Amino acid sequence: MSAYELPTSLPVGDVGYPIRTDFRDVLYLLQIFQDPDYEPDERAAITLRVLYETWEDIPRERYEEALEQAAAFIDGGLPGGERKSGPRTVDWAQDGGLILPAVNRVLGGEARAMPYLHWWTFLGAYMEIGESLFTTVLEIRRKRAKGQRLEKWEQEFFKANRALVELRRPETEEDKARRAALKELFV
């Protein structure tokens, strides 16, 4: 993949398979990746079906390669190497209301109003987000995750905006079942 082109297909074997490149499709996948209700094999199947327009044409023995190509595309074609697991600071679903205004400022327009916006263009704008509410929230999350002391203003911001800063734990099937059982008790 070239940084100077916006790919619309990914090579798997000797064939280029067309992909869905709109930022909304990739954000959907990123939300699936963070959802604990999906097993890794389910995430893989969803990735193939959502990203590849003709996923059923990909030979089964090439699925792993197709998923590697998908990961490289989602990473913006940037060298990533081995992923280091660290504290999670972004939740693509929870933070959408913070991310989009910051991306919009970089793009100079409303991303959601665009009928189409290539993922790499969106990702480029995301990487260029400067000082914003989103970056303030991320920095406080990062410091808290690493056990670092917050500045006085950050402590005040956290107290006033706790629901914005704290990452919600995704609701699991077990949580849903407990809530339904409690609801039954009171009906």
N, C-alpha and C. Protein backbone atom coordinates (compact mmCIF):
# COMPACT_ATOMS: atom_id res chain seq x y z
N MET A 1 0.84 -1.18 0.00
CA MET A 1 0.00 0.00 0.00
C MET A 1 0.88 1.24 0.00
N SER A 2 0.54 2.17 -0.84
CA SER A 2 1.30 3.41 -0.94
C SER A 2 0.60 4.51 -0.14
N ALA A 3 1.39 5.29 0.57
CA ALA A 3 0.84 6.38 1.36
C ALA A 3 0.25 7.48 0.46
N TYR A 4 0.63 7.47 -0.81
CA TYR A 4 0.18 8.52 -1.72
C TYR A 4 -1.05 8.14 -2.54
N GLU A 5 -1.62 7.01 -2.22
CA GLU A 5 -2.84 6.56 -2.89
C GLU A 5 -3.83 6.09 -1.84
N LEU A 6 -5.10 6.19 -2.16
CA LEU A 6 -6.14 5.68 -1.26
C LEU A 6 -6.60 4.34 -1.81
N PRO A 7 -6.20 3.25 -1.15
CA PRO A 7 -6.55 1.93 -1.68
C PRO A 7 -8.05 1.68 -1.66
N THR A 8 -8.50 0.99 -2.69
CA THR A 8 -9.91 0.59 -2.78
C THR A 8 -10.03 -0.92 -2.91
N SER A 9 -8.88 -1.59 -2.90
CA SER A 9 -8.85 -3.06 -2.91
C SER A 9 -7.62 -3.50 -2.15
N LEU A 10 -7.65 -4.75 -1.71
CA LEU A 10 -6.51 -5.32 -0.99
C LEU A 10 -6.07 -6.59 -1.68
N PRO A 11 -4.75 -6.79 -1.81
CA PRO A 11 -4.26 -8.01 -2.44
C PRO A 11 -4.30 -9.20 -1.49
N VAL A 12 -4.91 -10.25 -1.93
CA VAL A 12 -4.94 -11.52 -1.19
C VAL A 12 -4.55 -12.57 -2.22
N GLY A 13 -3.37 -13.17 -2.03
CA GLY A 13 -2.84 -14.04 -3.07
C GLY A 13 -2.49 -13.15 -4.24
N ASP A 14 -2.90 -13.55 -5.41
CA ASP A 14 -2.62 -12.77 -6.62
C ASP A 14 -3.81 -11.94 -7.07
N VAL A 15 -4.82 -11.83 -6.20
CA VAL A 15 -6.06 -11.16 -6.58
C VAL A 15 -6.27 -9.93 -5.71
N GLY A 16 -6.71 -8.85 -6.33
CA GLY A 16 -7.10 -7.65 -5.58
C GLY A 16 -8.60 -7.69 -5.32
N TYR A 17 -8.97 -7.73 -4.05
CA TYR A 17 -10.39 -7.80 -3.69
C TYR A 17 -10.87 -6.40 -3.30
N PRO A 18 -11.98 -5.94 -3.89
CA PRO A 18 -12.50 -4.61 -3.54
C PRO A 18 -12.94 -4.56 -2.08
N ILE A 19 -12.69 -3.42 -1.45
CA ILE A 19 -13.04 -3.26 -0.04
C ILE A 19 -13.93 -2.03 0.15
N ARG A 20 -14.62 -2.03 1.28
CA ARG A 20 -15.40 -0.86 1.69
C ARG A 20 -14.43 0.04 2.44
N THR A 21 -14.29 1.26 1.97
CA THR A 21 -13.26 2.15 2.51
C THR A 21 -13.81 3.34 3.27
N ASP A 22 -15.13 3.47 3.36
CA ASP A 22 -15.70 4.61 4.07
C ASP A 22 -15.38 4.50 5.56
N PHE A 23 -15.10 5.62 6.18
CA PHE A 23 -14.69 5.63 7.59
C PHE A 23 -15.74 5.00 8.50
N ARG A 24 -17.00 5.10 8.15
CA ARG A 24 -18.06 4.53 8.99
C ARG A 24 -17.96 3.01 9.07
N ASP A 25 -17.59 2.37 7.96
CA ASP A 25 -17.43 0.91 7.95
C ASP A 25 -16.30 0.49 8.88
N VAL A 26 -15.19 1.20 8.83
CA VAL A 26 -14.04 0.84 9.68
C VAL A 26 -14.34 1.15 11.14
N LEU A 27 -14.99 2.26 11.42
CA LEU A 27 -15.35 2.56 12.81
C LEU A 27 -16.29 1.49 13.36
N TYR A 28 -17.18 0.98 12.54
CA TYR A 28 -18.04 -0.12 12.97
C TYR A 28 -17.20 -1.32 13.37
N LEU A 29 -16.20 -1.66 12.54
CA LEU A 29 -15.33 -2.79 12.86
C LEU A 29 -14.54 -2.54 14.16
N LEU A 30 -14.05 -1.34 14.35
CA LEU A 30 -13.30 -1.03 15.57
C LEU A 30 -14.19 -1.19 16.81
N GLN A 31 -15.45 -0.87 16.67
CA GLN A 31 -16.38 -1.07 17.79
C GLN A 31 -16.60 -2.57 18.05
N ILE A 32 -16.68 -3.35 16.99
CA ILE A 32 -16.83 -4.81 17.13
C ILE A 32 -15.60 -5.38 17.84
N PHE A 33 -14.40 -4.90 17.47
CA PHE A 33 -13.17 -5.40 18.07
C PHE A 33 -13.16 -5.17 19.58
N GLN A 34 -13.81 -4.11 20.04
CA GLN A 34 -13.82 -3.79 21.47
C GLN A 34 -14.98 -4.43 22.22
N ASP A 35 -15.88 -5.07 21.53
CA ASP A 35 -17.06 -5.65 22.17
C ASP A 35 -16.74 -7.03 22.73
N PRO A 36 -16.84 -7.20 24.05
CA PRO A 36 -16.48 -8.49 24.66
C PRO A 36 -17.45 -9.61 24.34
N ASP A 37 -18.59 -9.30 23.75
CA ASP A 37 -19.57 -10.34 23.43
C ASP A 37 -19.18 -11.14 22.19
N TYR A 38 -18.17 -10.67 21.46
CA TYR A 38 -17.73 -11.39 20.26
C TYR A 38 -16.46 -12.16 20.54
N GLU A 39 -16.43 -13.39 20.07
CA GLU A 39 -15.24 -14.23 20.16
C GLU A 39 -14.30 -13.84 19.01
N PRO A 40 -13.01 -14.14 19.13
CA PRO A 40 -12.07 -13.78 18.05
C PRO A 40 -12.48 -14.30 16.67
N ASP A 41 -13.00 -15.52 16.60
CA ASP A 41 -13.40 -16.04 15.29
C ASP A 41 -14.61 -15.30 14.73
N GLU A 42 -15.49 -14.83 15.62
CA GLU A 42 -16.64 -14.03 15.16
C GLU A 42 -16.17 -12.67 14.66
N ARG A 43 -15.21 -12.07 15.35
CA ARG A 43 -14.65 -10.78 14.91
C ARG A 43 -14.01 -10.93 13.53
N ALA A 44 -13.29 -12.04 13.34
CA ALA A 44 -12.64 -12.29 12.05
C ALA A 44 -13.69 -12.41 10.94
N ALA A 45 -14.74 -13.16 11.20
CA ALA A 45 -15.78 -13.35 10.19
C ALA A 45 -16.47 -12.02 9.86
N ILE A 46 -16.74 -11.23 10.88
CA ILE A 46 -17.38 -9.93 10.66
C ILE A 46 -16.46 -9.02 9.86
N THR A 47 -15.16 -9.05 10.17
CA THR A 47 -14.20 -8.22 9.44
C THR A 47 -14.21 -8.57 7.96
N LEU A 48 -14.16 -9.86 7.65
CA LEU A 48 -14.18 -10.26 6.24
C LEU A 48 -15.46 -9.80 5.55
N ARG A 49 -16.59 -10.00 6.21
CA ARG A 49 -17.89 -9.67 5.59
C ARG A 49 -18.10 -8.16 5.43
N VAL A 50 -17.63 -7.40 6.41
CA VAL A 50 -17.84 -5.95 6.35
C VAL A 50 -16.83 -5.27 5.43
N LEU A 51 -15.56 -5.64 5.53
CA LEU A 51 -14.54 -4.92 4.78
C LEU A 51 -14.48 -5.33 3.31
N TYR A 52 -14.51 -6.63 3.07
CA TYR A 52 -14.38 -7.10 1.68
C TYR A 52 -15.75 -7.18 1.01
N GLU A 53 -15.89 -6.44 -0.09
CA GLU A 53 -17.16 -6.43 -0.81
C GLU A 53 -17.51 -7.81 -1.36
N THR A 54 -16.51 -8.56 -1.77
CA THR A 54 -16.74 -9.89 -2.34
C THR A 54 -16.02 -10.94 -1.48
N TRP A 55 -16.25 -10.87 -0.19
CA TRP A 55 -15.55 -11.76 0.75
C TRP A 55 -15.78 -13.23 0.43
N GLU A 56 -16.96 -13.56 -0.12
CA GLU A 56 -17.25 -14.97 -0.41
C GLU A 56 -16.37 -15.51 -1.53
N ASP A 57 -15.72 -14.63 -2.29
CA ASP A 57 -14.81 -15.07 -3.36
C ASP A 57 -13.41 -15.39 -2.85
N ILE A 58 -13.11 -15.02 -1.62
CA ILE A 58 -11.79 -15.28 -1.05
C ILE A 58 -11.71 -16.75 -0.64
N PRO A 59 -10.72 -17.48 -1.12
CA PRO A 59 -10.60 -18.90 -0.72
C PRO A 59 -10.35 -19.00 0.79
N ARG A 60 -10.96 -19.98 1.41
CA ARG A 60 -10.83 -20.18 2.87
C ARG A 60 -9.38 -20.20 3.32
N GLU A 61 -8.54 -20.85 2.52
CA GLU A 61 -7.13 -20.96 2.91
C GLU A 61 -6.41 -19.61 2.86
N ARG A 62 -7.07 -18.59 2.33
CA ARG A 62 -6.49 -17.24 2.26
C ARG A 62 -7.10 -16.28 3.29
N TYR A 63 -7.99 -16.77 4.15
CA TYR A 63 -8.65 -15.90 5.14
C TYR A 63 -7.63 -15.20 6.06
N GLU A 64 -6.64 -15.94 6.52
CA GLU A 64 -5.66 -15.33 7.43
C GLU A 64 -4.92 -14.18 6.73
N GLU A 65 -4.54 -14.40 5.50
CA GLU A 65 -3.87 -13.35 4.73
C GLU A 65 -4.81 -12.16 4.52
N ALA A 66 -6.07 -12.45 4.23
CA ALA A 66 -7.06 -11.38 4.04
C ALA A 66 -7.22 -10.56 5.32
N LEU A 67 -7.18 -11.23 6.47
CA LEU A 67 -7.29 -10.52 7.75
C LEU A 67 -6.04 -9.69 8.04
N GLU A 68 -4.88 -10.20 7.66
CA GLU A 68 -3.64 -9.43 7.82
C GLU A 68 -3.67 -8.18 6.95
N GLN A 69 -4.16 -8.32 5.73
CA GLN A 69 -4.29 -7.17 4.83
C GLN A 69 -5.30 -6.16 5.40
N ALA A 70 -6.38 -6.69 5.97
CA ALA A 70 -7.39 -5.82 6.57
C ALA A 70 -6.79 -5.02 7.73
N ALA A 71 -6.00 -5.70 8.58
CA ALA A 71 -5.36 -5.01 9.71
C ALA A 71 -4.41 -3.93 9.22
N ALA A 72 -3.65 -4.22 8.17
CA ALA A 72 -2.73 -3.22 7.62
C ALA A 72 -3.51 -2.02 7.07
N PHE A 73 -4.64 -2.29 6.42
CA PHE A 73 -5.47 -1.20 5.91
C PHE A 73 -6.02 -0.36 7.05
N ILE A 74 -6.56 -1.01 8.08
CA ILE A 74 -7.13 -0.29 9.21
C ILE A 74 -6.06 0.54 9.91
N ASP A 75 -4.83 0.05 9.93
CA ASP A 75 -3.70 0.79 10.52
C ASP A 75 -3.22 1.91 9.61
N GLY A 76 -3.88 2.12 8.51
CA GLY A 76 -3.53 3.22 7.62
C GLY A 76 -2.32 2.94 6.76
N GLY A 77 -1.93 1.67 6.66
CA GLY A 77 -0.76 1.33 5.86
C GLY A 77 0.54 1.70 6.55
N LEU A 78 0.44 2.15 7.80
CA LEU A 78 1.63 2.54 8.55
C LEU A 78 2.27 1.31 9.17
N PRO A 79 3.59 1.31 9.26
CA PRO A 79 4.23 0.15 9.91
C PRO A 79 3.82 0.09 11.37
N GLY A 80 3.32 -1.04 11.78
CA GLY A 80 2.86 -1.18 13.15
C GLY A 80 3.66 -2.19 13.94
N GLY A 81 4.20 -3.18 13.25
CA GLY A 81 4.93 -4.22 13.96
C GLY A 81 4.02 -4.95 14.92
N GLU A 82 4.58 -5.47 15.96
CA GLU A 82 3.80 -6.17 16.98
C GLU A 82 3.01 -5.17 17.79
N ARG A 83 1.78 -5.46 18.04
CA ARG A 83 0.94 -4.59 18.86
C ARG A 83 1.28 -4.81 20.32
N LYS A 84 1.51 -3.70 20.99
CA LYS A 84 1.77 -3.76 22.42
C LYS A 84 0.45 -3.53 23.13
N SER A 85 0.15 -4.40 24.06
CA SER A 85 -1.08 -4.19 24.81
C SER A 85 -0.75 -3.28 25.98
N GLY A 86 -1.47 -2.22 26.07
CA GLY A 86 -1.32 -1.28 27.16
C GLY A 86 -2.69 -0.87 27.61
N PRO A 87 -2.73 0.10 28.48
CA PRO A 87 -4.04 0.54 28.94
C PRO A 87 -4.85 1.13 27.78
N ARG A 88 -6.09 0.74 27.72
CA ARG A 88 -7.00 1.25 26.69
C ARG A 88 -7.38 2.68 27.05
N THR A 89 -7.22 3.59 26.11
CA THR A 89 -7.57 4.99 26.37
C THR A 89 -8.65 5.50 25.44
N VAL A 90 -8.97 4.75 24.38
CA VAL A 90 -9.99 5.19 23.43
C VAL A 90 -11.05 4.11 23.32
N ASP A 91 -12.29 4.52 23.33
CA ASP A 91 -13.41 3.64 23.04
C ASP A 91 -14.14 4.29 21.86
N TRP A 92 -14.05 3.65 20.71
CA TRP A 92 -14.57 4.26 19.48
C TRP A 92 -16.06 4.56 19.55
N ALA A 93 -16.81 3.77 20.30
CA ALA A 93 -18.25 4.04 20.43
C ALA A 93 -18.50 5.16 21.43
N GLN A 94 -17.93 5.03 22.61
CA GLN A 94 -18.15 6.02 23.67
C GLN A 94 -17.58 7.38 23.29
N ASP A 95 -16.46 7.41 22.60
CA ASP A 95 -15.77 8.66 22.33
C ASP A 95 -16.15 9.32 21.01
N GLY A 96 -17.09 8.74 20.28
CA GLY A 96 -17.47 9.31 18.99
C GLY A 96 -17.83 10.78 19.07
N GLY A 97 -18.54 11.16 20.11
CA GLY A 97 -18.95 12.56 20.27
C GLY A 97 -17.79 13.49 20.58
N LEU A 98 -16.66 12.95 20.98
CA LEU A 98 -15.45 13.75 21.21
C LEU A 98 -14.54 13.73 19.99
N ILE A 99 -14.47 12.57 19.35
CA ILE A 99 -13.57 12.40 18.20
C ILE A 99 -14.04 13.21 17.00
N LEU A 100 -15.32 13.10 16.67
CA LEU A 100 -15.81 13.72 15.44
C LEU A 100 -15.67 15.25 15.41
N PRO A 101 -15.97 15.98 16.48
CA PRO A 101 -15.74 17.43 16.40
C PRO A 101 -14.26 17.78 16.19
N ALA A 102 -13.37 17.01 16.79
CA ALA A 102 -11.95 17.26 16.62
C ALA A 102 -11.51 16.94 15.19
N VAL A 103 -11.99 15.84 14.64
CA VAL A 103 -11.69 15.49 13.26
C VAL A 103 -12.29 16.52 12.31
N ASN A 104 -13.51 16.94 12.60
CA ASN A 104 -14.16 17.95 11.75
C ASN A 104 -13.33 19.23 11.68
N ARG A 105 -12.75 19.62 12.81
CA ARG A 105 -11.94 20.84 12.84
C ARG A 105 -10.73 20.68 11.92
N VAL A 106 -10.11 19.51 11.95
CA VAL A 106 -8.96 19.26 11.08
C VAL A 106 -9.39 19.24 9.62
N LEU A 107 -10.51 18.59 9.32
CA LEU A 107 -10.99 18.49 7.94
C LEU A 107 -11.58 19.79 7.42
N GLY A 108 -12.02 20.65 8.32
CA GLY A 108 -12.66 21.90 7.90
C GLY A 108 -14.09 21.68 7.43
N GLY A 109 -14.71 20.60 7.88
CA GLY A 109 -16.09 20.31 7.51
C GLY A 109 -16.61 19.14 8.32
N GLU A 110 -17.89 18.91 8.19
CA GLU A 110 -18.57 17.87 8.96
C GLU A 110 -18.41 16.51 8.28
N ALA A 111 -17.64 15.60 8.90
CA ALA A 111 -17.39 14.27 8.33
C ALA A 111 -18.68 13.48 8.17
N ARG A 112 -19.58 13.58 9.15
CA ARG A 112 -20.82 12.80 9.09
C ARG A 112 -21.72 13.24 7.94
N ALA A 113 -21.58 14.47 7.49
CA ALA A 113 -22.42 14.96 6.40
C ALA A 113 -21.85 14.57 5.03
N MET A 114 -20.62 14.11 5.01
CA MET A 114 -20.02 13.71 3.74
C MET A 114 -20.58 12.34 3.34
N PRO A 115 -21.06 12.22 2.12
CA PRO A 115 -21.61 10.93 1.72
C PRO A 115 -20.55 9.83 1.73
N TYR A 116 -19.29 10.22 1.54
CA TYR A 116 -18.19 9.26 1.54
C TYR A 116 -16.92 9.97 2.02
N LEU A 117 -16.19 9.29 2.90
CA LEU A 117 -14.89 9.78 3.35
C LEU A 117 -14.01 8.56 3.56
N HIS A 118 -12.95 8.47 2.78
CA HIS A 118 -12.05 7.32 2.85
C HIS A 118 -11.47 7.21 4.26
N TRP A 119 -11.36 5.98 4.74
CA TRP A 119 -10.82 5.72 6.08
C TRP A 119 -9.46 6.38 6.30
N TRP A 120 -8.57 6.30 5.31
CA TRP A 120 -7.24 6.88 5.49
C TRP A 120 -7.30 8.39 5.63
N THR A 121 -8.23 9.04 4.97
CA THR A 121 -8.39 10.48 5.11
C THR A 121 -8.90 10.80 6.52
N PHE A 122 -9.87 10.03 6.98
CA PHE A 122 -10.38 10.20 8.34
C PHE A 122 -9.26 9.95 9.35
N LEU A 123 -8.51 8.86 9.16
CA LEU A 123 -7.43 8.51 10.08
C LEU A 123 -6.35 9.58 10.10
N GLY A 124 -6.04 10.13 8.94
CA GLY A 124 -5.05 11.22 8.87
C GLY A 124 -5.51 12.42 9.68
N ALA A 125 -6.78 12.76 9.55
CA ALA A 125 -7.33 13.88 10.33
C ALA A 125 -7.31 13.55 11.81
N TYR A 126 -7.63 12.30 12.16
CA TYR A 126 -7.61 11.86 13.55
C TYR A 126 -6.20 12.02 14.14
N MET A 127 -5.19 11.64 13.37
CA MET A 127 -3.81 11.73 13.85
C MET A 127 -3.33 13.17 14.00
N GLU A 128 -4.00 14.10 13.34
CA GLU A 128 -3.61 15.51 13.41
C GLU A 128 -4.43 16.32 14.41
N ILE A 129 -5.25 15.66 15.18
CA ILE A 129 -6.04 16.37 16.18
C ILE A 129 -5.09 17.06 17.14
N GLY A 130 -5.28 18.34 17.28
CA GLY A 130 -4.45 19.11 18.21
C GLY A 130 -5.16 19.22 19.55
N GLU A 131 -4.84 20.29 20.25
CA GLU A 131 -5.44 20.51 21.56
C GLU A 131 -6.96 20.57 21.42
N SER A 132 -7.61 19.73 22.20
CA SER A 132 -9.06 19.64 22.12
C SER A 132 -9.60 18.98 23.37
N LEU A 133 -10.89 18.96 23.50
CA LEU A 133 -11.52 18.25 24.60
C LEU A 133 -11.13 16.77 24.55
N PHE A 134 -11.10 16.20 23.36
CA PHE A 134 -10.74 14.79 23.19
C PHE A 134 -9.33 14.52 23.71
N THR A 135 -8.36 15.34 23.33
CA THR A 135 -6.98 15.10 23.77
C THR A 135 -6.83 15.33 25.27
N THR A 136 -7.61 16.24 25.83
CA THR A 136 -7.60 16.44 27.29
C THR A 136 -8.08 15.18 27.99
N VAL A 137 -9.18 14.63 27.51
CA VAL A 137 -9.73 13.40 28.08
C VAL A 137 -8.72 12.25 27.95
N LEU A 138 -8.11 12.11 26.77
CA LEU A 138 -7.13 11.04 26.56
C LEU A 138 -5.94 11.17 27.50
N GLU A 139 -5.45 12.37 27.69
CA GLU A 139 -4.29 12.57 28.56
C GLU A 139 -4.62 12.23 30.01
N ILE A 140 -5.79 12.60 30.46
CA ILE A 140 -6.19 12.26 31.83
C ILE A 140 -6.35 10.75 31.96
N ARG A 141 -6.95 10.10 30.96
CA ARG A 141 -7.07 8.64 30.99
C ARG A 141 -5.69 7.97 31.03
N ARG A 142 -4.78 8.48 30.20
CA ARG A 142 -3.44 7.90 30.15
C ARG A 142 -2.73 8.03 31.50
N LYS A 143 -2.80 9.20 32.09
CA LYS A 143 -2.16 9.42 33.38
C LYS A 143 -2.77 8.53 34.46
N ARG A 144 -4.08 8.44 34.47
CA ARG A 144 -4.75 7.60 35.49
C ARG A 144 -4.40 6.13 35.30
N ALA A 145 -4.33 5.69 34.05
CA ALA A 145 -4.00 4.29 33.77
C ALA A 145 -2.57 3.96 34.20
N LYS A 146 -1.69 4.93 34.11
CA LYS A 146 -0.29 4.70 34.48
C LYS A 146 -0.01 5.07 35.93
N GLY A 147 -1.05 5.49 36.65
CA GLY A 147 -0.88 5.84 38.06
C GLY A 147 -0.12 7.14 38.27
N GLN A 148 -0.13 8.01 37.26
CA GLN A 148 0.58 9.28 37.38
C GLN A 148 -0.31 10.33 38.02
N ARG A 149 0.31 11.26 38.68
CA ARG A 149 -0.42 12.32 39.37
C ARG A 149 -1.01 13.30 38.36
N LEU A 150 -2.27 13.65 38.59
CA LEU A 150 -2.94 14.64 37.74
C LEU A 150 -2.62 16.04 38.26
N GLU A 151 -2.48 16.98 37.34
CA GLU A 151 -2.34 18.39 37.71
C GLU A 151 -3.63 18.81 38.40
N LYS A 152 -3.58 19.89 39.14
CA LYS A 152 -4.77 20.36 39.87
C LYS A 152 -5.94 20.60 38.91
N TRP A 153 -5.69 21.25 37.80
CA TRP A 153 -6.78 21.52 36.85
C TRP A 153 -7.32 20.22 36.26
N GLU A 154 -6.45 19.21 36.08
CA GLU A 154 -6.90 17.93 35.56
C GLU A 154 -7.77 17.22 36.59
N GLN A 155 -7.40 17.33 37.86
CA GLN A 155 -8.21 16.73 38.93
C GLN A 155 -9.60 17.37 38.95
N GLU A 156 -9.64 18.69 38.82
CA GLU A 156 -10.92 19.40 38.80
C GLU A 156 -11.74 19.01 37.57
N PHE A 157 -11.06 18.92 36.44
CA PHE A 157 -11.74 18.52 35.20
C PHE A 157 -12.32 17.12 35.37
N PHE A 158 -11.54 16.21 35.94
CA PHE A 158 -11.99 14.84 36.13
C PHE A 158 -13.21 14.79 37.03
N LYS A 159 -13.17 15.51 38.13
CA LYS A 159 -14.32 15.53 39.05
C LYS A 159 -15.57 16.07 38.37
N ALA A 160 -15.41 17.09 37.55
CA ALA A 160 -16.55 17.71 36.88
C ALA A 160 -17.04 16.90 35.68
N ASN A 161 -16.19 16.05 35.15
CA ASN A 161 -16.51 15.34 33.90
C ASN A 161 -16.20 13.85 33.99
N ARG A 162 -16.42 13.28 35.14
CA ARG A 162 -16.09 11.87 35.39
C ARG A 162 -16.70 10.94 34.35
N ALA A 163 -17.95 11.13 34.02
CA ALA A 163 -18.63 10.25 33.05
C ALA A 163 -18.01 10.36 31.66
N LEU A 164 -17.44 11.50 31.35
CA LEU A 164 -16.79 11.71 30.06
C LEU A 164 -15.42 11.03 30.03
N VAL A 165 -14.72 11.09 31.15
CA VAL A 165 -13.35 10.59 31.21
C VAL A 165 -13.28 9.09 31.43
N GLU A 166 -14.09 8.56 32.31
CA GLU A 166 -14.00 7.13 32.61
C GLU A 166 -14.56 6.30 31.47
N LEU A 167 -13.79 5.30 31.09
CA LEU A 167 -14.27 4.39 30.06
C LEU A 167 -15.27 3.43 30.68
N ARG A 168 -16.42 3.36 30.05
CA ARG A 168 -17.43 2.43 30.53
C ARG A 168 -17.03 1.01 30.17
N ARG A 169 -17.30 0.12 31.07
CA ARG A 169 -17.06 -1.29 30.79
C ARG A 169 -18.21 -1.74 29.89
N PRO A 170 -17.88 -2.33 28.74
CA PRO A 170 -18.96 -2.79 27.86
C PRO A 170 -19.86 -3.80 28.58
N GLU A 171 -21.16 -3.67 28.33
CA GLU A 171 -22.12 -4.59 28.94
C GLU A 171 -22.00 -5.96 28.29
N THR A 172 -21.80 -6.97 29.10
CA THR A 172 -21.68 -8.34 28.60
C THR A 172 -23.05 -9.00 28.60
N GLU A 173 -23.12 -10.17 27.99
CA GLU A 173 -24.36 -10.94 27.99
C GLU A 173 -24.78 -11.28 29.42
N GLU A 174 -23.78 -11.55 30.27
CA GLU A 174 -24.07 -11.85 31.67
C GLU A 174 -24.71 -10.64 32.36
N ASP A 175 -24.19 -9.44 32.07
CA ASP A 175 -24.78 -8.22 32.65
C ASP A 175 -26.22 -8.04 32.18
N LYS A 176 -26.46 -8.30 30.90
CA LYS A 176 -27.81 -8.16 30.34
C LYS A 176 -28.77 -9.15 31.00
N ALA A 177 -28.28 -10.38 31.21
CA ALA A 177 -29.12 -11.40 31.84
C ALA A 177 -29.46 -11.01 33.28
N ARG A 178 -28.48 -10.48 34.01
CA ARG A 178 -28.72 -10.03 35.39
C ARG A 178 -29.75 -8.90 35.43
N ARG A 179 -29.60 -7.95 34.52
CA ARG A 179 -30.53 -6.83 34.47
C ARG A 179 -31.94 -7.31 34.13
N ALA A 180 -32.06 -8.27 33.20
CA ALA A 180 -33.37 -8.82 32.83
C ALA A 180 -33.99 -9.56 34.01
N ALA A 181 -33.17 -10.30 34.77
CA ALA A 181 -33.67 -11.02 35.94
C ALA A 181 -34.18 -10.05 37.01
N LEU A 182 -33.45 -8.96 37.22
CA LEU A 182 -33.89 -7.95 38.17
C LEU A 182 -35.20 -7.30 37.72
N LYS A 183 -35.28 -7.06 36.44
CA LYS A 183 -36.49 -6.44 35.90
C LYS A 183 -37.70 -7.35 36.12
N GLU A 184 -37.51 -8.64 35.96
CA GLU A 184 -38.57 -9.62 36.18
C GLU A 184 -39.08 -9.60 37.62
N LEU A 185 -38.16 -9.36 38.57
CA LEU A 185 -38.54 -9.31 39.99
C LEU A 185 -39.52 -8.17 40.27
N PHE A 186 -39.42 -7.09 39.51
CA PHE A 186 -40.22 -5.90 39.79
C PHE A 186 -41.38 -5.72 38.83
N VAL A 187 -41.64 -6.68 38.00
CA VAL A 187 -42.75 -6.57 37.04
C VAL A 187 -43.93 -7.34 37.53
